[in-house]
N, C-alpha and C. Protein backbone atom coordinates (compact mmCIF):
# COMPACT_ATOMS: atom_id res chain seq x y z
N MET A 1 0.84 -1.20 0.00
CA MET A 1 0.00 0.00 0.00
C MET A 1 0.88 1.25 0.00
N GLN A 2 0.64 2.16 -0.94
CA GLN A 2 1.38 3.41 -1.01
C GLN A 2 0.62 4.49 -0.25
N PHE A 3 1.26 5.10 0.74
CA PHE A 3 0.65 6.18 1.48
C PHE A 3 1.04 7.51 0.87
N HIS A 4 0.08 8.46 0.91
CA HIS A 4 0.37 9.81 0.46
C HIS A 4 0.98 10.64 1.59
N HIS A 5 1.04 10.09 2.78
CA HIS A 5 1.53 10.83 3.94
C HIS A 5 2.73 10.10 4.53
N THR A 6 3.73 9.90 3.68
CA THR A 6 4.88 9.10 4.10
C THR A 6 5.65 9.75 5.24
N ASP A 7 5.65 11.08 5.32
CA ASP A 7 6.38 11.75 6.40
C ASP A 7 5.76 11.41 7.75
N LEU A 8 4.43 11.42 7.84
CA LEU A 8 3.77 11.06 9.08
C LEU A 8 4.03 9.61 9.44
N VAL A 9 3.97 8.74 8.45
CA VAL A 9 4.24 7.33 8.69
C VAL A 9 5.67 7.15 9.21
N ASP A 10 6.62 7.84 8.58
CA ASP A 10 8.02 7.75 9.03
C ASP A 10 8.16 8.22 10.48
N GLN A 11 7.45 9.29 10.84
CA GLN A 11 7.52 9.78 12.22
C GLN A 11 6.94 8.76 13.20
N LEU A 12 5.86 8.12 12.83
CA LEU A 12 5.24 7.12 13.70
C LEU A 12 6.13 5.88 13.82
N ILE A 13 6.79 5.50 12.72
CA ILE A 13 7.72 4.37 12.77
C ILE A 13 8.86 4.66 13.74
N ALA A 14 9.41 5.87 13.66
CA ALA A 14 10.50 6.25 14.57
C ALA A 14 10.01 6.30 16.02
N ALA A 15 8.80 6.81 16.23
CA ALA A 15 8.25 6.86 17.58
C ALA A 15 8.05 5.46 18.14
N GLY A 16 7.61 4.53 17.30
CA GLY A 16 7.43 3.15 17.75
C GLY A 16 8.72 2.53 18.24
N ARG A 17 9.81 2.79 17.52
CA ARG A 17 11.10 2.27 17.98
C ARG A 17 11.47 2.86 19.34
N THR A 18 11.23 4.16 19.50
CA THR A 18 11.61 4.82 20.74
C THR A 18 10.82 4.30 21.93
N VAL A 19 9.51 4.12 21.78
CA VAL A 19 8.72 3.71 22.94
C VAL A 19 9.11 2.31 23.41
N VAL A 20 9.49 1.44 22.49
CA VAL A 20 9.93 0.11 22.90
C VAL A 20 11.33 0.18 23.52
N GLU A 21 12.22 0.93 22.88
CA GLU A 21 13.58 1.06 23.42
C GLU A 21 13.57 1.65 24.83
N ARG A 22 12.64 2.56 25.10
CA ARG A 22 12.58 3.22 26.40
C ARG A 22 11.69 2.49 27.40
N GLY A 23 11.17 1.33 27.01
CA GLY A 23 10.40 0.52 27.93
C GLY A 23 8.97 0.97 28.16
N LEU A 24 8.44 1.81 27.28
CA LEU A 24 7.05 2.26 27.43
C LEU A 24 6.05 1.25 26.88
N ALA A 25 6.53 0.29 26.11
CA ALA A 25 5.66 -0.74 25.55
C ALA A 25 6.49 -1.97 25.25
N LEU A 26 5.85 -3.11 25.28
CA LEU A 26 6.47 -4.37 24.91
C LEU A 26 5.81 -4.88 23.63
N ALA A 27 6.64 -5.17 22.64
CA ALA A 27 6.15 -5.77 21.39
C ALA A 27 4.99 -4.95 20.81
N SER A 28 3.77 -5.53 20.80
CA SER A 28 2.62 -4.86 20.21
C SER A 28 1.75 -4.18 21.26
N GLY A 29 2.31 -3.96 22.45
CA GLY A 29 1.54 -3.39 23.55
C GLY A 29 1.36 -1.90 23.47
N GLY A 30 0.61 -1.44 22.52
CA GLY A 30 0.35 -0.01 22.36
C GLY A 30 -0.04 0.29 20.94
N ASN A 31 -0.36 1.52 20.65
CA ASN A 31 -0.73 1.93 19.30
C ASN A 31 -0.47 3.42 19.14
N LEU A 32 -0.20 3.83 17.91
CA LEU A 32 0.20 5.20 17.61
C LEU A 32 -0.67 5.73 16.48
N SER A 33 -0.90 7.04 16.48
CA SER A 33 -1.70 7.60 15.39
C SER A 33 -1.29 9.04 15.12
N ALA A 34 -1.72 9.51 13.95
CA ALA A 34 -1.51 10.91 13.56
C ALA A 34 -2.67 11.34 12.69
N ARG A 35 -3.14 12.54 12.91
CA ARG A 35 -4.24 13.08 12.12
C ARG A 35 -3.75 13.42 10.71
N VAL A 36 -4.53 13.09 9.71
CA VAL A 36 -4.19 13.46 8.35
C VAL A 36 -4.47 14.95 8.18
N PRO A 37 -3.48 15.74 7.79
CA PRO A 37 -3.66 17.19 7.71
C PRO A 37 -4.84 17.58 6.83
N GLY A 38 -5.62 18.53 7.32
CA GLY A 38 -6.72 19.06 6.54
C GLY A 38 -7.91 18.14 6.39
N SER A 39 -8.01 17.12 7.25
CA SER A 39 -9.14 16.19 7.14
C SER A 39 -9.54 15.71 8.53
N ASP A 40 -10.61 14.91 8.59
CA ASP A 40 -11.03 14.33 9.86
C ASP A 40 -10.64 12.86 9.94
N SER A 41 -9.76 12.41 9.05
CA SER A 41 -9.27 11.03 9.09
C SER A 41 -7.92 10.98 9.81
N PHE A 42 -7.48 9.77 10.15
CA PHE A 42 -6.21 9.64 10.85
C PHE A 42 -5.54 8.32 10.50
N ILE A 43 -4.23 8.30 10.67
CA ILE A 43 -3.41 7.11 10.43
C ILE A 43 -3.19 6.44 11.77
N VAL A 44 -3.37 5.12 11.84
CA VAL A 44 -3.18 4.40 13.10
C VAL A 44 -2.51 3.06 12.81
N THR A 45 -1.74 2.58 13.77
CA THR A 45 -1.08 1.29 13.61
C THR A 45 -2.11 0.17 13.52
N ARG A 46 -1.75 -0.88 12.82
CA ARG A 46 -2.68 -2.01 12.66
C ARG A 46 -2.68 -2.88 13.91
N SER A 47 -3.68 -3.71 14.01
CA SER A 47 -3.79 -4.64 15.12
C SER A 47 -2.61 -5.61 15.13
N GLY A 48 -1.99 -5.78 16.30
CA GLY A 48 -0.91 -6.74 16.46
C GLY A 48 0.44 -6.30 15.96
N ALA A 49 0.56 -5.07 15.47
CA ALA A 49 1.85 -4.60 14.94
C ALA A 49 2.86 -4.41 16.07
N TRP A 50 4.07 -4.93 15.89
CA TRP A 50 5.15 -4.71 16.86
C TRP A 50 5.69 -3.30 16.67
N LEU A 51 5.64 -2.52 17.73
CA LEU A 51 5.95 -1.09 17.59
C LEU A 51 7.40 -0.80 17.27
N ASN A 52 8.31 -1.72 17.58
CA ASN A 52 9.73 -1.46 17.30
C ASN A 52 10.15 -1.90 15.92
N SER A 53 9.25 -2.46 15.14
CA SER A 53 9.61 -2.91 13.80
C SER A 53 8.51 -2.59 12.79
N LEU A 54 7.94 -1.40 12.93
CA LEU A 54 6.86 -0.99 12.04
C LEU A 54 7.36 -0.74 10.63
N VAL A 55 6.51 -1.07 9.66
CA VAL A 55 6.74 -0.76 8.25
C VAL A 55 5.47 -0.11 7.73
N PRO A 56 5.50 0.54 6.55
CA PRO A 56 4.31 1.23 6.05
C PRO A 56 3.06 0.36 5.97
N ASP A 57 3.21 -0.94 5.73
CA ASP A 57 2.04 -1.81 5.66
C ASP A 57 1.37 -2.03 7.01
N ASP A 58 2.00 -1.55 8.09
CA ASP A 58 1.46 -1.71 9.43
C ASP A 58 0.53 -0.57 9.84
N PHE A 59 0.06 0.20 8.88
CA PHE A 59 -0.79 1.35 9.19
C PHE A 59 -2.09 1.30 8.40
N SER A 60 -3.14 1.83 9.03
CA SER A 60 -4.43 2.02 8.37
C SER A 60 -4.77 3.50 8.38
N VAL A 61 -5.44 3.96 7.35
CA VAL A 61 -6.03 5.30 7.36
C VAL A 61 -7.52 5.13 7.60
N LEU A 62 -8.00 5.74 8.68
CA LEU A 62 -9.40 5.58 9.07
C LEU A 62 -10.15 6.91 9.02
N GLY A 63 -11.42 6.83 8.70
CA GLY A 63 -12.30 7.97 8.86
C GLY A 63 -12.72 8.08 10.31
N PRO A 64 -13.42 9.14 10.69
CA PRO A 64 -13.77 9.36 12.10
C PRO A 64 -14.67 8.28 12.68
N ASP A 65 -15.39 7.56 11.83
CA ASP A 65 -16.27 6.49 12.31
C ASP A 65 -15.61 5.12 12.23
N GLY A 66 -14.32 5.10 11.93
CA GLY A 66 -13.59 3.85 11.92
C GLY A 66 -13.56 3.12 10.59
N GLN A 67 -14.16 3.69 9.57
CA GLN A 67 -14.12 3.04 8.26
C GLN A 67 -12.70 3.10 7.69
N VAL A 68 -12.23 1.98 7.14
CA VAL A 68 -10.88 1.93 6.57
C VAL A 68 -10.89 2.61 5.21
N ILE A 69 -10.09 3.64 5.09
CA ILE A 69 -9.98 4.37 3.82
C ILE A 69 -8.89 3.76 2.96
N SER A 70 -7.78 3.41 3.60
CA SER A 70 -6.66 2.79 2.87
C SER A 70 -5.75 2.12 3.88
N GLY A 71 -4.79 1.36 3.36
CA GLY A 71 -3.84 0.68 4.22
C GLY A 71 -4.38 -0.63 4.75
N SER A 72 -3.87 -1.06 5.90
CA SER A 72 -4.25 -2.34 6.47
C SER A 72 -5.75 -2.40 6.75
N ALA A 73 -6.34 -3.55 6.46
CA ALA A 73 -7.77 -3.76 6.72
C ALA A 73 -8.05 -4.09 8.18
N HIS A 74 -6.99 -4.17 8.99
CA HIS A 74 -7.15 -4.56 10.39
C HIS A 74 -6.49 -3.53 11.32
N PRO A 75 -7.15 -2.38 11.50
CA PRO A 75 -6.57 -1.35 12.38
C PRO A 75 -6.57 -1.80 13.83
N SER A 76 -5.80 -1.10 14.64
CA SER A 76 -5.73 -1.39 16.06
C SER A 76 -7.13 -1.50 16.68
N SER A 77 -7.27 -2.43 17.61
CA SER A 77 -8.55 -2.56 18.32
C SER A 77 -8.86 -1.32 19.15
N GLU A 78 -7.85 -0.47 19.35
CA GLU A 78 -8.03 0.75 20.13
C GLU A 78 -8.33 1.96 19.26
N TRP A 79 -8.77 1.75 18.02
CA TRP A 79 -8.96 2.88 17.13
C TRP A 79 -9.96 3.90 17.69
N LYS A 80 -10.94 3.43 18.44
CA LYS A 80 -11.92 4.37 19.01
C LYS A 80 -11.27 5.31 20.01
N LEU A 81 -10.29 4.82 20.75
CA LEU A 81 -9.57 5.66 21.71
C LEU A 81 -8.96 6.86 20.99
N HIS A 82 -8.42 6.63 19.81
CA HIS A 82 -7.82 7.70 19.03
C HIS A 82 -8.90 8.59 18.40
N ALA A 83 -9.90 7.96 17.79
CA ALA A 83 -10.93 8.72 17.10
C ALA A 83 -11.68 9.66 18.05
N TYR A 84 -12.08 9.16 19.21
CA TYR A 84 -12.83 9.98 20.15
C TYR A 84 -11.97 11.12 20.69
N SER A 85 -10.70 10.84 20.93
CA SER A 85 -9.82 11.89 21.45
C SER A 85 -9.57 12.98 20.42
N TYR A 86 -9.45 12.61 19.15
CA TYR A 86 -9.29 13.63 18.11
C TYR A 86 -10.54 14.50 18.01
N GLN A 87 -11.70 13.88 18.18
CA GLN A 87 -12.93 14.66 18.13
C GLN A 87 -13.02 15.63 19.31
N ALA A 88 -12.52 15.20 20.47
CA ALA A 88 -12.56 16.04 21.66
C ALA A 88 -11.51 17.14 21.63
N ARG A 89 -10.42 16.89 20.90
CA ARG A 89 -9.29 17.82 20.88
C ARG A 89 -8.90 18.18 19.45
N PRO A 90 -9.57 19.15 18.85
CA PRO A 90 -9.23 19.54 17.48
C PRO A 90 -7.79 20.02 17.32
N ASP A 91 -7.15 20.43 18.42
CA ASP A 91 -5.77 20.91 18.36
C ASP A 91 -4.76 19.78 18.38
N ALA A 92 -5.18 18.57 18.69
CA ALA A 92 -4.26 17.43 18.75
C ALA A 92 -4.11 16.79 17.38
N ASN A 93 -2.87 16.56 16.97
CA ASN A 93 -2.61 15.95 15.67
C ASN A 93 -1.88 14.61 15.78
N ALA A 94 -1.60 14.16 17.00
CA ALA A 94 -0.93 12.87 17.19
C ALA A 94 -1.26 12.34 18.57
N ILE A 95 -1.35 11.02 18.67
CA ILE A 95 -1.62 10.36 19.95
C ILE A 95 -0.70 9.16 20.09
N VAL A 96 -0.05 9.07 21.24
CA VAL A 96 0.78 7.92 21.58
C VAL A 96 0.08 7.17 22.71
N HIS A 97 -0.32 5.94 22.46
CA HIS A 97 -0.94 5.11 23.49
C HIS A 97 0.01 3.95 23.80
N VAL A 98 0.51 3.92 25.03
CA VAL A 98 1.50 2.91 25.42
C VAL A 98 1.12 2.35 26.79
N HIS A 99 1.94 1.42 27.28
CA HIS A 99 1.69 0.75 28.56
C HIS A 99 2.89 0.94 29.49
N PRO A 100 3.11 2.15 29.97
CA PRO A 100 4.28 2.42 30.82
C PRO A 100 4.11 1.83 32.22
N GLN A 101 5.05 1.01 32.63
CA GLN A 101 4.89 0.23 33.86
C GLN A 101 4.78 1.10 35.11
N MET A 102 5.64 2.09 35.25
CA MET A 102 5.66 2.86 36.49
C MET A 102 4.42 3.74 36.61
N ALA A 103 4.02 4.39 35.54
CA ALA A 103 2.83 5.24 35.60
C ALA A 103 1.59 4.42 35.92
N VAL A 104 1.46 3.26 35.30
CA VAL A 104 0.30 2.40 35.56
C VAL A 104 0.34 1.86 36.99
N LEU A 105 1.53 1.50 37.46
CA LEU A 105 1.66 0.98 38.81
C LEU A 105 1.25 2.02 39.85
N LEU A 106 1.79 3.24 39.74
CA LEU A 106 1.46 4.27 40.72
C LEU A 106 -0.03 4.57 40.71
N ASP A 107 -0.62 4.61 39.52
CA ASP A 107 -2.05 4.86 39.43
C ASP A 107 -2.84 3.74 40.12
N ALA A 108 -2.42 2.49 39.91
CA ALA A 108 -3.10 1.35 40.53
C ALA A 108 -2.98 1.39 42.05
N LEU A 109 -1.87 1.95 42.54
CA LEU A 109 -1.65 2.06 43.98
C LEU A 109 -2.37 3.27 44.59
N GLY A 110 -2.96 4.08 43.72
CA GLY A 110 -3.63 5.28 44.21
C GLY A 110 -2.69 6.42 44.52
N ALA A 111 -1.47 6.35 44.01
CA ALA A 111 -0.48 7.40 44.26
C ALA A 111 -0.49 8.41 43.11
N GLU A 112 -0.61 9.67 43.43
CA GLU A 112 -0.59 10.71 42.41
C GLU A 112 0.81 10.86 41.84
N ILE A 113 0.90 10.93 40.52
CA ILE A 113 2.19 11.17 39.87
C ILE A 113 2.53 12.64 40.02
N ARG A 114 3.69 12.91 40.61
CA ARG A 114 4.11 14.29 40.85
C ARG A 114 5.02 14.77 39.73
N LEU A 115 4.79 15.98 39.29
CA LEU A 115 5.68 16.62 38.31
C LEU A 115 6.79 17.28 39.11
N ILE A 116 8.00 16.85 38.89
CA ILE A 116 9.11 17.29 39.73
C ILE A 116 10.07 18.22 38.99
N THR A 117 10.37 17.91 37.73
CA THR A 117 11.33 18.72 36.98
C THR A 117 10.63 19.72 36.08
N LEU A 118 11.42 20.65 35.56
CA LEU A 118 10.89 21.63 34.61
C LEU A 118 10.29 20.94 33.39
N ASP A 119 10.98 19.91 32.88
CA ASP A 119 10.45 19.21 31.71
C ASP A 119 9.12 18.54 32.01
N HIS A 120 8.97 17.97 33.20
CA HIS A 120 7.69 17.37 33.56
C HIS A 120 6.59 18.43 33.53
N ALA A 121 6.87 19.56 34.13
CA ALA A 121 5.87 20.62 34.21
C ALA A 121 5.52 21.15 32.82
N TYR A 122 6.54 21.29 31.97
CA TYR A 122 6.30 21.87 30.65
C TYR A 122 5.56 20.91 29.73
N TYR A 123 6.01 19.66 29.68
CA TYR A 123 5.45 18.72 28.72
C TYR A 123 4.19 18.01 29.22
N VAL A 124 4.17 17.64 30.48
CA VAL A 124 3.02 16.89 31.01
C VAL A 124 1.92 17.83 31.47
N ARG A 125 2.29 18.81 32.28
CA ARG A 125 1.38 19.82 32.81
C ARG A 125 0.39 19.25 33.82
N SER A 126 -0.42 18.30 33.39
CA SER A 126 -1.38 17.70 34.31
C SER A 126 -1.71 16.31 33.79
N VAL A 127 -2.24 15.47 34.67
CA VAL A 127 -2.51 14.08 34.33
C VAL A 127 -3.96 13.75 34.63
N GLY A 128 -4.68 13.29 33.62
CA GLY A 128 -6.04 12.80 33.83
C GLY A 128 -6.02 11.29 33.98
N ARG A 129 -7.15 10.71 34.36
CA ARG A 129 -7.21 9.27 34.51
C ARG A 129 -8.63 8.75 34.27
N THR A 130 -8.73 7.50 33.93
CA THR A 130 -10.01 6.83 33.81
C THR A 130 -9.96 5.56 34.66
N PRO A 131 -11.11 5.05 35.07
CA PRO A 131 -11.12 3.73 35.69
C PRO A 131 -10.75 2.67 34.65
N TYR A 132 -10.63 1.44 35.10
CA TYR A 132 -10.38 0.35 34.15
C TYR A 132 -11.63 0.11 33.30
N TYR A 133 -11.42 0.03 32.00
CA TYR A 133 -12.45 -0.42 31.06
C TYR A 133 -11.77 -1.37 30.08
N PRO A 134 -12.49 -2.32 29.51
CA PRO A 134 -11.86 -3.23 28.54
C PRO A 134 -11.26 -2.47 27.36
N ASN A 135 -10.13 -2.97 26.87
CA ASN A 135 -9.50 -2.31 25.72
C ASN A 135 -10.42 -2.40 24.51
N GLY A 136 -10.43 -1.34 23.75
CA GLY A 136 -11.27 -1.27 22.56
C GLY A 136 -12.72 -0.91 22.83
N SER A 137 -13.08 -0.71 24.08
CA SER A 137 -14.49 -0.46 24.42
C SER A 137 -14.87 1.00 24.22
N ASP A 138 -16.17 1.20 24.02
CA ASP A 138 -16.70 2.56 23.93
C ASP A 138 -16.47 3.32 25.23
N GLU A 139 -16.61 2.62 26.37
CA GLU A 139 -16.44 3.28 27.66
C GLU A 139 -15.03 3.83 27.82
N LEU A 140 -14.05 3.02 27.44
CA LEU A 140 -12.67 3.47 27.55
C LEU A 140 -12.42 4.67 26.64
N ALA A 141 -12.85 4.56 25.40
CA ALA A 141 -12.62 5.65 24.44
C ALA A 141 -13.33 6.92 24.87
N ARG A 142 -14.56 6.79 25.34
CA ARG A 142 -15.34 7.98 25.71
C ARG A 142 -14.76 8.67 26.94
N THR A 143 -14.46 7.90 27.99
CA THR A 143 -13.94 8.53 29.21
C THR A 143 -12.54 9.09 29.01
N ALA A 144 -11.72 8.42 28.20
CA ALA A 144 -10.39 8.96 27.92
C ALA A 144 -10.50 10.27 27.15
N ALA A 145 -11.42 10.34 26.20
CA ALA A 145 -11.61 11.57 25.43
C ALA A 145 -12.11 12.70 26.33
N GLU A 146 -12.99 12.37 27.28
CA GLU A 146 -13.47 13.39 28.21
C GLU A 146 -12.31 13.96 29.03
N GLN A 147 -11.42 13.08 29.48
CA GLN A 147 -10.25 13.53 30.24
C GLN A 147 -9.30 14.34 29.36
N ALA A 148 -9.22 13.96 28.08
CA ALA A 148 -8.30 14.64 27.17
C ALA A 148 -8.73 16.08 26.89
N ARG A 149 -9.97 16.41 27.17
CA ARG A 149 -10.39 17.81 27.00
C ARG A 149 -9.62 18.74 27.93
N GLU A 150 -9.19 18.20 29.09
CA GLU A 150 -8.51 19.01 30.09
C GLU A 150 -7.04 18.64 30.28
N HIS A 151 -6.64 17.48 29.79
CA HIS A 151 -5.28 16.99 30.04
C HIS A 151 -4.65 16.46 28.75
N ASP A 152 -3.34 16.69 28.61
CA ASP A 152 -2.61 16.14 27.47
C ASP A 152 -2.14 14.71 27.74
N CYS A 153 -2.15 14.30 28.99
CA CYS A 153 -1.73 12.96 29.39
C CYS A 153 -2.86 12.31 30.18
N VAL A 154 -3.30 11.14 29.74
CA VAL A 154 -4.42 10.47 30.38
C VAL A 154 -4.02 9.02 30.67
N ILE A 155 -4.08 8.64 31.94
CA ILE A 155 -3.81 7.25 32.32
C ILE A 155 -5.11 6.48 32.33
N GLN A 156 -5.11 5.32 31.68
CA GLN A 156 -6.25 4.41 31.72
C GLN A 156 -5.96 3.34 32.78
N GLY A 157 -6.78 3.29 33.81
CA GLY A 157 -6.53 2.44 34.95
C GLY A 157 -6.25 0.99 34.59
N ASN A 158 -5.17 0.43 35.20
CA ASN A 158 -4.76 -0.97 35.01
C ASN A 158 -4.54 -1.31 33.54
N HIS A 159 -4.14 -0.32 32.77
CA HIS A 159 -4.01 -0.54 31.32
C HIS A 159 -2.82 0.19 30.73
N GLY A 160 -2.91 1.50 30.60
CA GLY A 160 -1.84 2.25 29.93
C GLY A 160 -2.09 3.73 30.01
N CYS A 161 -1.58 4.46 29.03
CA CYS A 161 -1.82 5.90 29.00
C CYS A 161 -1.84 6.38 27.56
N SER A 162 -2.48 7.52 27.37
CA SER A 162 -2.47 8.19 26.08
C SER A 162 -1.91 9.59 26.27
N THR A 163 -1.05 10.01 25.35
CA THR A 163 -0.54 11.37 25.37
C THR A 163 -0.84 12.01 24.04
N LEU A 164 -1.26 13.26 24.07
CA LEU A 164 -1.66 13.98 22.88
C LEU A 164 -0.70 15.12 22.61
N GLY A 165 -0.53 15.46 21.33
CA GLY A 165 0.34 16.56 20.98
C GLY A 165 -0.03 17.18 19.66
N ALA A 166 0.51 18.36 19.41
CA ALA A 166 0.29 19.02 18.13
C ALA A 166 0.97 18.28 17.00
N ASN A 167 1.95 17.42 17.34
CA ASN A 167 2.64 16.61 16.36
C ASN A 167 3.13 15.33 17.05
N VAL A 168 3.68 14.42 16.26
CA VAL A 168 4.13 13.14 16.82
C VAL A 168 5.22 13.36 17.86
N GLU A 169 6.15 14.25 17.57
CA GLU A 169 7.25 14.50 18.51
C GLU A 169 6.73 14.95 19.87
N MET A 170 5.75 15.87 19.90
CA MET A 170 5.24 16.35 21.17
C MET A 170 4.48 15.27 21.93
N ALA A 171 3.69 14.48 21.23
CA ALA A 171 2.98 13.39 21.90
C ALA A 171 3.97 12.40 22.51
N LEU A 172 5.06 12.11 21.79
CA LEU A 172 6.08 11.20 22.30
C LEU A 172 6.80 11.81 23.49
N ARG A 173 7.18 13.09 23.41
CA ARG A 173 7.85 13.75 24.52
C ARG A 173 7.00 13.67 25.79
N ARG A 174 5.71 13.85 25.64
CA ARG A 174 4.83 13.79 26.80
C ARG A 174 4.79 12.39 27.40
N ALA A 175 4.77 11.38 26.55
CA ALA A 175 4.78 10.00 27.06
C ALA A 175 6.07 9.72 27.83
N LEU A 176 7.19 10.15 27.28
CA LEU A 176 8.48 9.92 27.95
C LEU A 176 8.56 10.66 29.28
N ASN A 177 8.10 11.90 29.30
CA ASN A 177 8.18 12.69 30.53
C ASN A 177 7.18 12.22 31.57
N LEU A 178 6.02 11.72 31.14
CA LEU A 178 5.07 11.17 32.11
C LEU A 178 5.67 9.98 32.83
N GLU A 179 6.31 9.08 32.10
CA GLU A 179 6.90 7.91 32.74
C GLU A 179 8.09 8.30 33.62
N GLU A 180 8.87 9.28 33.18
CA GLU A 180 9.98 9.73 34.03
C GLU A 180 9.45 10.36 35.32
N ALA A 181 8.37 11.14 35.21
CA ALA A 181 7.77 11.73 36.40
C ALA A 181 7.28 10.64 37.35
N ALA A 182 6.69 9.59 36.79
CA ALA A 182 6.22 8.48 37.62
C ALA A 182 7.40 7.79 38.31
N THR A 183 8.49 7.61 37.58
CA THR A 183 9.67 6.96 38.16
C THR A 183 10.26 7.79 39.30
N LEU A 184 10.38 9.10 39.10
CA LEU A 184 10.91 9.95 40.17
C LEU A 184 9.95 10.02 41.36
N THR A 185 8.65 9.99 41.07
CA THR A 185 7.69 9.96 42.17
C THR A 185 7.86 8.69 42.99
N TYR A 186 8.01 7.57 42.31
CA TYR A 186 8.21 6.29 43.01
C TYR A 186 9.47 6.33 43.88
N ARG A 187 10.55 6.88 43.34
CA ARG A 187 11.79 6.95 44.10
C ARG A 187 11.65 7.87 45.31
N ALA A 188 10.94 8.97 45.11
CA ALA A 188 10.73 9.89 46.24
C ALA A 188 9.91 9.21 47.33
N LEU A 189 8.87 8.49 46.94
CA LEU A 189 8.05 7.79 47.93
C LEU A 189 8.86 6.72 48.65
N ALA A 190 9.74 6.05 47.91
CA ALA A 190 10.59 5.02 48.53
C ALA A 190 11.52 5.62 49.57
N LEU A 191 11.87 6.90 49.39
CA LEU A 191 12.73 7.60 50.35
C LEU A 191 11.92 8.26 51.46
N GLY A 192 10.62 8.10 51.41
CA GLY A 192 9.77 8.68 52.45
C GLY A 192 9.32 10.10 52.16
N ASP A 193 9.61 10.60 50.96
CA ASP A 193 9.25 11.97 50.58
C ASP A 193 7.86 11.98 49.96
N THR A 194 6.95 12.72 50.54
CA THR A 194 5.58 12.77 50.03
C THR A 194 5.18 14.16 49.52
N THR A 195 6.13 15.09 49.44
CA THR A 195 5.76 16.47 49.11
C THR A 195 6.52 17.08 47.93
N THR A 196 7.73 16.60 47.65
CA THR A 196 8.54 17.25 46.62
C THR A 196 7.82 17.30 45.28
N ALA A 197 7.77 18.49 44.67
CA ALA A 197 7.13 18.66 43.37
C ALA A 197 7.59 19.97 42.76
N PHE A 198 7.34 20.16 41.50
CA PHE A 198 7.66 21.42 40.83
C PHE A 198 6.88 22.54 41.51
N PRO A 199 7.52 23.69 41.75
CA PRO A 199 6.83 24.78 42.45
C PRO A 199 5.53 25.17 41.76
N ARG A 200 4.44 25.14 42.50
CA ARG A 200 3.13 25.39 41.91
C ARG A 200 3.04 26.79 41.28
N ASP A 201 3.63 27.79 41.95
CA ASP A 201 3.51 29.15 41.42
C ASP A 201 4.37 29.35 40.17
N ALA A 202 5.28 28.42 39.88
CA ALA A 202 6.14 28.54 38.70
C ALA A 202 5.42 28.09 37.42
N PHE A 203 4.31 27.37 37.55
CA PHE A 203 3.59 26.92 36.37
C PHE A 203 3.12 28.11 35.53
N GLU A 204 2.74 29.19 36.18
CA GLU A 204 2.21 30.35 35.46
C GLU A 204 3.24 30.94 34.51
N GLY A 205 4.52 30.76 34.81
CA GLY A 205 5.56 31.34 33.98
C GLY A 205 5.97 30.49 32.79
N LEU A 206 5.39 29.30 32.67
CA LEU A 206 5.75 28.41 31.57
C LEU A 206 4.98 28.75 30.32
N ALA A 207 5.67 28.85 29.20
CA ALA A 207 5.01 29.10 27.92
C ALA A 207 4.67 27.75 27.31
N HIS A 208 3.44 27.33 27.47
CA HIS A 208 3.04 26.01 27.00
C HIS A 208 2.71 26.05 25.51
N SER A 209 2.95 24.88 24.86
CA SER A 209 2.62 24.79 23.43
C SER A 209 1.82 23.54 23.19
């Protein structure tokens, strides 16, 4: 299948390698997407695709209702998660959905992920969450999209997280910084620290994009 949006596909292929190399996903444990410029359709990884070895045939182009326009006939079972979030966030042009161990663990333990560094504050800003819902379900897609209206990073309980961005690079940066924030939070808690965080009054001075 020849895609007309090879640059976006190349960006998603590179992002897939990064999320596996950085431990945010194992094998096919996650899915990536990008909005097709000037349309309401989007490119998403196919079902079962290994994120660290993606090729152009591992992508589907879907309309907003999930109809396959081109590419693989078997899009990710999580396509609704992407479609609903794009509808909720017209400013988002890419979504990274992965299964980061530390972020999911802290959420399952009921521990709030603290933003500690400047990068955490700038890229993550705030974290939304949903209860556990089966993957691919309307409930998961709907509640995640509702959270995405207010947050660029949304944790799905006992499952994974989605990060949104104006482009693939920003969505990926947010995923990486969310997991790093979770890791530092875990280490702080292990040391008995329950308060350390980025200064609240400093958030106002950040130029967010």
